[in-house]
C-alpha atoms as a PDB file:
ATOM      1  CA  MET A   1     -36.402 -19.472 -24.319  1.00  0.00           C
ATOM      2  CA  GLU A   2     -39.824 -19.154 -23.511  1.00  0.00           C
ATOM      3  CA  ASN A   3     -41.736 -20.482 -25.678  1.00  0.00           C
ATOM      4  CA  LYS A   4     -44.961 -18.081 -25.792  1.00  0.00           C
ATOM      5  CA  SER A   5     -48.281 -20.144 -27.022  1.00  0.00           C
ATOM      6  CA  GLU A   6     -50.742 -17.822 -29.135  1.00  0.00           C
ATOM      7  CA  HIS A   7     -54.120 -17.148 -26.850  1.00  0.00           C
ATOM      8  CA  ILE A   8     -56.865 -16.756 -29.324  1.00  0.00           C
ATOM      9  CA  ILE A   9     -60.615 -15.627 -27.808  1.00  0.00           C
ATOM     10  CA  ARG A  10     -62.947 -15.153 -30.568  1.00  0.00           C
ATOM     11  CA  LEU A  11     -66.237 -13.176 -30.276  1.00  0.00           C
ATOM     12  CA  TYR A  12     -68.696 -13.794 -32.962  1.00  0.00           C
ATOM     13  CA  SER A  13     -72.105 -11.273 -33.754  1.00  0.00           C
ATOM     14  CA  ASN A  14     -75.418 -12.462 -32.046  1.00  0.00           C
ATOM     15  CA  LYS A  15     -77.425 -13.993 -33.932  1.00  0.00           C
ATOM     16  CA  LYS A  16     -80.545 -13.321 -31.809  1.00  0.00           C
ATOM     17  CA  LYS A  17     -80.677  -9.636 -32.624  1.00  0.00           C
ATOM     18  CA  ALA A  18     -80.402 -10.391 -36.726  1.00  0.00           C
ATOM     19  CA  VAL A  19     -83.713 -12.712 -36.260  1.00  0.00           C
ATOM     20  CA  LEU A  20     -85.643  -9.721 -34.110  1.00  0.00           C
ATOM     21  CA  MET A  21     -84.290  -7.442 -36.622  1.00  0.00           C
ATOM     22  CA  LEU A  22     -85.540  -9.386 -39.461  1.00  0.00           C
ATOM     23  CA  ILE A  23     -88.819 -10.446 -38.188  1.00  0.00           C
ATOM     24  CA  GLY A  24     -89.263  -6.356 -37.709  1.00  0.00           C
ATOM     25  CA  SER A  25     -88.019  -5.425 -40.546  1.00  0.00           C
ATOM     26  CA  LEU A  26     -90.530  -8.051 -42.654  1.00  0.00           C
ATOM     27  CA  LEU A  27     -93.796  -6.269 -40.360  1.00  0.00           C
ATOM     28  CA  PHE A  28     -93.181  -3.219 -41.256  1.00  0.00           C
ATOM     29  CA  VAL A  29     -92.785  -3.902 -44.844  1.00  0.00           C
ATOM     30  CA  ALA A  30     -95.989  -5.585 -44.821  1.00  0.00           C
ATOM     31  CA  GLY A  31     -97.423  -2.447 -43.266  1.00  0.00           C
ATOM     32  CA  GLY A  32     -95.593  -0.654 -46.185  1.00  0.00           C
ATOM     33  CA  ILE A  33     -97.414  -3.425 -48.751  1.00  0.00           C
ATOM     34  CA  PHE A  34    -100.738  -3.042 -47.151  1.00  0.00           C
ATOM     35  CA  PHE A  35    -100.151   1.275 -47.150  1.00  0.00           C
ATOM     36  CA  VAL A  36     -99.605   1.188 -51.025  1.00  0.00           C
ATOM     37  CA  MET A  37    -102.375  -1.600 -51.835  1.00  0.00           C
ATOM     38  CA  HIS A  38    -105.631  -0.034 -49.745  1.00  0.00           C
ATOM     39  CA  PRO A  39    -104.614   3.773 -49.191  1.00  0.00           C
ATOM     40  CA  GLU A  40    -108.377   4.417 -48.925  1.00  0.00           C
ATOM     41  CA  SER A  41    -107.941   3.030 -45.573  1.00  0.00           C
ATOM     42  CA  PHE A  42    -106.839   5.827 -43.896  1.00  0.00           C
ATOM     43  CA  ASP A  43    -107.750   9.367 -43.136  1.00  0.00           C
ATOM     44  CA  ARG A  44    -104.420  10.408 -45.398  1.00  0.00           C
ATOM     45  CA  GLU A  45    -104.169  11.390 -48.750  1.00  0.00           C
ATOM     46  CA  PRO A  46    -104.396   8.443 -50.616  1.00  0.00           C
ATOM     47  CA  LEU A  47    -101.289   9.780 -52.558  1.00  0.00           C
ATOM     48  CA  ILE A  48     -99.507  10.659 -49.206  1.00  0.00           C
ATOM     49  CA  THR A  49    -100.236   7.319 -48.095  1.00  0.00           C
ATOM     50  CA  ARG A  50     -99.202   5.323 -51.048  1.00  0.00           C
ATOM     51  CA  MET A  51     -95.289   7.194 -50.225  1.00  0.00           C
ATOM     52  CA  ILE A  52     -95.190   6.082 -47.026  1.00  0.00           C
ATOM     53  CA  GLY A  53     -95.455   2.601 -47.728  1.00  0.00           C
ATOM     54  CA  ILE A  54     -93.298   2.403 -50.488  1.00  0.00           C
ATOM     55  CA  LEU A  55     -90.333   4.822 -48.086  1.00  0.00           C
ATOM     56  CA  CYS A  56     -91.487   1.607 -45.576  1.00  0.00           C
ATOM     57  CA  ILE A  57     -90.804  -1.168 -48.483  1.00  0.00           C
ATOM     58  CA  LEU A  58     -87.640   0.335 -49.498  1.00  0.00           C
ATOM     59  CA  PHE A  59     -86.261   1.083 -45.985  1.00  0.00           C
ATOM     60  CA  PHE A  60     -87.380  -1.905 -44.113  1.00  0.00           C
ATOM     61  CA  GLY A  61     -86.483  -4.193 -47.369  1.00  0.00           C
ATOM     62  CA  LEU A  62     -83.151  -2.800 -47.426  1.00  0.00           C
ATOM     63  CA  ALA A  63     -83.094  -3.360 -43.169  1.00  0.00           C
ATOM     64  CA  ALA A  64     -84.669  -7.268 -44.095  1.00  0.00           C
ATOM     65  CA  ILE A  65     -81.478  -7.932 -46.573  1.00  0.00           C
ATOM     66  CA  VAL A  66     -79.066  -6.481 -43.983  1.00  0.00           C
ATOM     67  CA  SER A  67     -80.399  -8.957 -41.438  1.00  0.00           C
ATOM     68  CA  VAL A  68     -80.204 -11.687 -43.927  1.00  0.00           C
ATOM     69  CA  ARG A  69     -76.823 -10.806 -44.697  1.00  0.00           C
ATOM     70  CA  PHE A  70     -75.984 -11.478 -40.603  1.00  0.00           C
ATOM     71  CA  LEU A  71     -77.699 -14.535 -39.975  1.00  0.00           C
ATOM     72  CA  ILE A  72     -75.737 -16.123 -42.983  1.00  0.00           C
ATOM     73  CA  SER A  73     -72.789 -14.476 -42.210  1.00  0.00           C
ATOM     74  CA  ASN A  74     -70.478 -15.551 -38.888  1.00  0.00           C
ATOM     75  CA  ARG A  75     -69.333 -12.411 -38.190  1.00  0.00           C
ATOM     76  CA  LEU A  76     -65.811 -11.962 -35.966  1.00  0.00           C
ATOM     77  CA  LEU A  77     -66.131  -8.963 -33.693  1.00  0.00           C
ATOM     78  CA  LEU A  78     -63.802  -9.175 -31.306  1.00  0.00           C
ATOM     79  CA  GLU A  79     -60.354 -10.755 -30.710  1.00  0.00           C
ATOM     80  CA  ILE A  80     -58.380 -11.116 -27.344  1.00  0.00           C
ATOM     81  CA  THR A  81     -54.697 -12.310 -27.707  1.00  0.00           C
ATOM     82  CA  ASN A  82     -51.867 -12.581 -25.660  1.00  0.00           C
ATOM     83  CA  GLN A  83     -50.487  -9.332 -28.237  1.00  0.00           C
ATOM     84  CA  GLY A  84     -53.591  -7.744 -27.550  1.00  0.00           C
ATOM     85  CA  LEU A  85     -57.545  -6.858 -29.295  1.00  0.00           C
ATOM     86  CA  HIS A  86     -58.207  -7.114 -32.986  1.00  0.00           C
ATOM     87  CA  ILE A  87     -61.478  -5.236 -33.154  1.00  0.00           C
ATOM     88  CA  GLY A  88     -64.117  -4.959 -35.833  1.00  0.00           C
ATOM     89  CA  ASP A  89     -65.344  -7.156 -38.653  1.00  0.00           C
ATOM     90  CA  ILE A  90     -64.195  -5.197 -41.956  1.00  0.00           C
ATOM     91  CA  HIS A  91     -61.254  -2.799 -40.856  1.00  0.00           C
ATOM     92  CA  LYS A  92     -60.012  -4.227 -38.106  1.00  0.00           C
ATOM     93  CA  THR A  93     -58.202  -2.444 -35.614  1.00  0.00           C
ATOM     94  CA  PHE A  94     -54.697  -3.560 -33.339  1.00  0.00           C
ATOM     95  CA  ILE A  95     -54.650  -2.327 -29.938  1.00  0.00           C
ATOM     96  CA  GLY A  96     -51.938  -3.812 -28.780  1.00  0.00           C
ATOM     97  CA  TRP A  97     -51.835  -4.939 -24.617  1.00  0.00           C
ATOM     98  CA  GLN A  98     -48.397  -2.281 -24.237  1.00  0.00           C
ATOM     99  CA  ASP A  99     -51.127   0.781 -25.245  1.00  0.00           C
ATOM    100  CA  ILE A 100     -53.771  -0.169 -22.821  1.00  0.00           C
ATOM    101  CA  SER A 101     -54.011   1.433 -19.874  1.00  0.00           C
ATOM    102  CA  GLY A 102     -56.987  -0.154 -18.742  1.00  0.00           C
ATOM    103  CA  PHE A 103     -61.108  -0.150 -19.588  1.00  0.00           C
ATOM    104  CA  LYS A 104     -63.874   1.619 -17.802  1.00  0.00           C
ATOM    105  CA  GLU A 105     -67.571   0.633 -17.843  1.00  0.00           C
ATOM    106  CA  ILE A 106     -69.600   3.976 -19.121  1.00  0.00           C
ATOM    107  CA  ALA A 107     -73.868   4.115 -19.892  1.00  0.00           C
ATOM    108  CA  ILE A 108     -74.668   5.998 -23.164  1.00  0.00           C
ATOM    109  CA  TYR A 109     -78.368   5.802 -23.124  1.00  0.00           C
ATOM    110  CA  SER A 110     -78.829   2.754 -21.027  1.00  0.00           C
ATOM    111  CA  THR A 111     -76.668   1.217 -23.393  1.00  0.00           C
ATOM    112  CA  PRO A 112     -73.413  -0.321 -21.302  1.00  0.00           C
ATOM    113  CA  ILE A 113     -70.203   0.818 -23.374  1.00  0.00           C
ATOM    114  CA  ILE A 114     -66.790  -0.171 -22.512  1.00  0.00           C
ATOM    115  CA  VAL A 115     -64.272   2.050 -22.941  1.00  0.00           C
ATOM    116  CA  ILE A 116     -60.790   1.329 -24.217  1.00  0.00           C
ATOM    117  CA  LEU A 117     -57.989   3.294 -22.220  1.00  0.00           C
ATOM    118  CA  ILE A 118     -55.686   4.448 -24.660  1.00  0.00           C
ATOM    119  CA  LYS A 119     -51.715   5.509 -23.071  1.00  0.00           C
ATOM    120  CA  ASN A 120     -51.077   8.346 -26.089  1.00  0.00           C
ATOM    121  CA  SER A 121     -55.007   8.952 -28.130  1.00  0.00           C
ATOM    122  CA  LYS A 122     -53.421  12.128 -29.723  1.00  0.00           C
ATOM    123  CA  ALA A 123     -50.843  10.183 -31.619  1.00  0.00           C
ATOM    124  CA  VAL A 124     -53.779   7.302 -32.053  1.00  0.00           C
ATOM    125  CA  ILE A 125     -55.520   9.978 -33.582  1.00  0.00           C
ATOM    126  CA  ASP A 126     -52.831  11.957 -35.892  1.00  0.00           C
ATOM    127  CA  ASP A 127     -51.436   8.706 -37.204  1.00  0.00           C
ATOM    128  CA  GLU A 128     -55.067   7.535 -38.234  1.00  0.00           C
ATOM    129  CA  PRO A 129     -55.305   7.931 -42.075  1.00  0.00           C
ATOM    130  CA  ASN A 130     -58.956   7.591 -43.225  1.00  0.00           C
ATOM    131  CA  MET A 131     -60.752  10.670 -42.182  1.00  0.00           C
ATOM    132  CA  ILE A 132     -64.484   9.359 -41.525  1.00  0.00           C
ATOM    133  CA  LYS A 133     -62.540   7.225 -39.302  1.00  0.00           C
ATOM    134  CA  LYS A 134     -60.369   9.704 -37.079  1.00  0.00           C
ATOM    135  CA  LYS A 135     -63.440  12.337 -37.212  1.00  0.00           C
ATOM    136  CA  ILE A 136     -65.565   9.323 -35.338  1.00  0.00           C
ATOM    137  CA  MET A 137     -62.316   8.730 -32.963  1.00  0.00           C
ATOM    138  CA  GLN A 138     -62.120  12.321 -32.123  1.00  0.00           C
ATOM    139  CA  PHE A 139     -65.579  12.705 -30.636  1.00  0.00           C
ATOM    140  CA  ASN A 140     -65.604   8.816 -28.721  1.00  0.00           C
ATOM    141  CA  MET A 141     -62.904  11.023 -27.137  1.00  0.00           C
ATOM    142  CA  ASN A 142     -65.920  12.775 -24.888  1.00  0.00           C
ATOM    143  CA  TYR A 143     -66.421   9.620 -23.441  1.00  0.00           C
ATOM    144  CA  GLY A 144     -62.336   9.496 -22.658  1.00  0.00           C
ATOM    145  CA  SER A 145     -60.392   7.137 -25.362  1.00  0.00           C
ATOM    146  CA  PRO A 146     -60.936   6.875 -29.161  1.00  0.00           C
ATOM    147  CA  TYR A 147     -61.580   3.463 -28.835  1.00  0.00           C
ATOM    148  CA  ASN A 148     -64.930   1.605 -27.569  1.00  0.00           C
ATOM    149  CA  LEU A 149     -67.162  -1.631 -27.502  1.00  0.00           C
ATOM    150  CA  SER A 150     -70.381  -2.699 -26.762  1.00  0.00           C
ATOM    151  CA  SER A 151     -71.163  -6.197 -26.101  1.00  0.00           C
ATOM    152  CA  GLY A 152     -75.175  -5.850 -27.760  1.00  0.00           C
ATOM    153  CA  ASN A 153     -73.935  -7.400 -31.134  1.00  0.00           C
ATOM    154  CA  MET A 154     -71.810  -9.979 -29.172  1.00  0.00           C
ATOM    155  CA  ARG A 155     -72.670 -13.076 -28.210  1.00  0.00           C
ATOM    156  CA  ILE A 156     -71.083 -12.484 -24.921  1.00  0.00           C
ATOM    157  CA  ARG A 157     -72.849 -10.367 -21.742  1.00  0.00           C
ATOM    158  CA  HIS A 158     -71.261  -7.058 -20.938  1.00  0.00           C
ATOM    159  CA  LYS A 159     -69.880  -8.079 -17.537  1.00  0.00           C
ATOM    160  CA  GLU A 160     -68.381 -11.139 -18.978  1.00  0.00           C
ATOM    161  CA  LEU A 161     -66.965  -9.083 -21.504  1.00  0.00           C
ATOM    162  CA  PHE A 162     -64.942  -6.262 -18.794  1.00  0.00           C
ATOM    163  CA  ARG A 163     -63.533  -8.901 -16.470  1.00  0.00           C
ATOM    164  CA  LEU A 164     -62.176 -11.110 -19.895  1.00  0.00           C
ATOM    165  CA  LEU A 165     -60.946  -8.441 -20.914  1.00  0.00           C
ATOM    166  CA  ASN A 166     -59.710  -7.052 -17.701  1.00  0.00           C
ATOM    167  CA  GLU A 167     -58.340 -10.492 -16.852  1.00  0.00           C
ATOM    168  CA  ASN A 168     -56.115 -10.199 -20.172  1.00  0.00           C
ATOM    169  CA  LEU A 169     -54.688  -7.090 -19.779  1.00  0.00           C
ATOM    170  CA  MET A 170     -53.623  -8.304 -16.570  1.00  0.00           C
ATOM    171  CA  LYS A 171     -52.117 -11.122 -17.843  1.00  0.00           C
ATOM    172  CA  TYR A 172     -50.361  -9.738 -20.916  1.00  0.00           C
ATOM    173  CA  SER A 173     -49.670  -5.625 -20.302  1.00  0.00           C
ATOM    174  CA  ASN A 174     -46.157  -6.672 -18.852  1.00  0.00           C
ATOM    175  CA  ASN A 175     -45.158  -9.823 -21.206  1.00  0.00           C
ATOM    176  CA  ASN A 176     -45.441  -7.232 -23.913  1.00  0.00           C
ATOM    177  CA  MET A 177     -43.112  -4.284 -23.030  1.00  0.00           C
END
């Protein structure tokens, strides 16, 4: 009997982007406060300027709160094990290595994306009970699979993630059949 020890690679959220989002949000909140406090400084109707300021404060204030939450929490975004991939931080999705046929790279508006090629995409979509998630999966089929990953919010470079996924697929896909 072979003793397989659990091999786990965990990838967490990138705090640098949360810091940049917080700084940007606070700058827009400050701008919104200026609009509310000094609407006469602008050529527009003061009421419209104040409304724009209030909207800036509300929207970017919420963005600041979200970015602080991201800074405080250490969100696990991807877990690579000898069984497969655990994707997501809130609603985890598990994809076994035996269900993955490969990975491909695409770019959407110059953002590199890794598409997880699934052996039976239609069955995966049909089995999804959540209607919103099912619609997202159907939309993702435009790129060849219901699942994709972006390393943009992870603490890893895109090429390194792509290499890591392919190495683990080669290593574990035959062991799980």
